[in-house]
Protein backbone atom coordinates (compact mmCIF):
# COMPACT_ATOMS: atom_id res chain seq x y z
CA MET A 1 98.89 142.63 71.77
CA ILE A 2 98.87 146.33 71.95
CA ASP A 3 94.93 146.17 71.45
CA ILE A 4 94.85 143.71 74.36
CA ALA A 5 96.89 145.66 76.99
CA GLN A 6 94.75 148.44 75.69
CA LYS A 7 92.18 146.95 76.75
CA VAL A 8 93.30 145.23 80.20
CA GLY A 9 94.99 148.36 81.30
CA ARG A 10 98.27 149.06 82.90
CA SER A 11 97.20 148.34 86.57
CA LEU A 12 95.88 145.25 85.58
CA PHE A 13 98.08 144.29 82.81
CA SER A 14 101.17 145.15 85.74
CA LYS A 15 99.35 142.88 88.39
CA TYR A 16 99.02 140.05 85.47
CA ILE A 17 102.91 140.41 84.71
CA GLY A 18 103.59 139.85 88.66
CA GLU A 19 101.36 136.76 88.73
CA PHE A 20 103.82 135.45 86.42
CA GLY A 21 106.59 136.14 88.38
CA PHE A 22 108.12 138.67 86.76
CA GLY A 23 109.89 141.64 89.07
CA THR A 24 110.63 139.10 91.42
CA PRO A 25 112.64 137.10 93.08
CA THR A 26 112.40 133.18 91.93
CA LYS A 27 113.85 132.02 95.88
CA ILE A 28 115.66 129.38 93.76
CA THR A 29 118.47 127.75 96.24
CA LEU A 30 121.60 129.56 94.99
CA ASP A 31 123.22 132.48 96.10
CA GLY A 32 123.10 135.60 94.03
CA GLU A 33 120.09 135.28 92.21
CA VAL A 34 118.91 138.52 89.65
CA TYR A 35 115.85 139.26 88.42
CA GLY A 36 114.37 141.98 86.37
CA LYS A 37 113.07 144.76 87.83
CA ILE A 38 109.73 146.60 86.69
CA PRO A 39 108.79 150.15 87.59
CA SER A 40 105.53 151.01 88.79
CA PHE A 41 102.81 151.00 86.29
CA GLU A 42 101.95 154.54 87.46
CA LYS A 43 105.40 155.78 86.18
CA TRP A 44 104.33 154.04 82.32
CA SER A 45 103.76 156.11 79.75
CA ARG A 46 101.63 154.80 76.86
CA THR A 47 104.54 153.83 74.94
CA ASP A 48 105.38 151.22 77.82
CA LEU A 49 102.59 149.45 78.23
CA PHE A 50 102.21 148.88 74.53
CA THR A 51 106.05 147.72 73.79
CA ALA A 52 105.32 145.63 77.42
CA SER A 53 102.36 143.92 75.59
CA PHE A 54 104.48 142.09 72.77
CA GLY A 55 107.85 141.74 75.27
CA GLN A 56 110.10 144.97 74.77
CA GLY A 57 110.77 147.30 76.73
CA LEU A 58 110.35 147.95 80.61
CA ILE A 59 110.39 144.32 81.22
CA THR A 60 113.43 142.62 82.13
CA ALA A 61 113.97 138.91 83.22
CA THR A 62 116.40 136.39 83.30
CA PRO A 63 116.39 133.26 81.62
CA LEU A 64 114.92 130.81 84.99
CA GLN A 65 112.36 133.64 85.13
CA MET A 66 110.74 133.13 81.82
CA ALA A 67 111.03 129.23 82.33
CA ALA A 68 109.26 129.78 85.65
CA ALA A 69 106.27 132.10 83.60
CA TYR A 70 105.46 129.14 81.36
CA VAL A 71 105.02 126.88 84.50
CA PRO A 72 101.42 127.75 85.49
CA ILE A 73 100.08 127.75 81.77
CA ALA A 74 101.62 124.02 81.17
CA ASN A 75 100.32 122.73 84.43
CA GLY A 76 96.61 123.87 84.28
CA GLY A 77 97.34 127.21 86.02
CA ILE A 78 99.32 126.03 88.99
CA TYR A 79 102.62 127.48 90.14
CA PHE A 80 105.31 126.01 91.30
CA GLU A 81 108.54 127.23 92.43
CA PRO A 82 111.55 126.35 90.42
CA TYR A 83 114.25 124.07 92.66
CA ILE A 84 117.96 123.04 91.40
CA VAL A 85 118.30 119.95 91.78
CA ASN A 86 121.59 118.86 93.23
CA SER A 87 121.58 115.16 92.17
CA ILE A 88 119.34 112.49 90.99
CA LYS A 89 120.15 108.96 91.83
CA PHE A 90 118.52 105.73 90.67
C-alpha cells in the first residue's frame, strides 16, 4: 500500500479519501452526527501518507463512515447516502 500511495501522491490520495466520504458528514437524519477530520494534504508528512495508505495515522472515521465507504465498492461504483430507517411495515 505504501508503494501505491507513493505512486499516487498526496494530492490524489487525499482526493480519493474524500470521494469515499471520509472527512465529511454522511448527512444522516440523526442529530449530533460526528465525523472524522482529515488535515489538508499539504500538511501531511511522508510518514502520514505512508500510514494513511494502510488505514492508520491521520485518517479517522466513524463506523457509519466505514459502512458508507463500502457502498460504492459493493454497488458498482455508485454511492448512495445512508439513511436511518424508522420502521419496516409488511
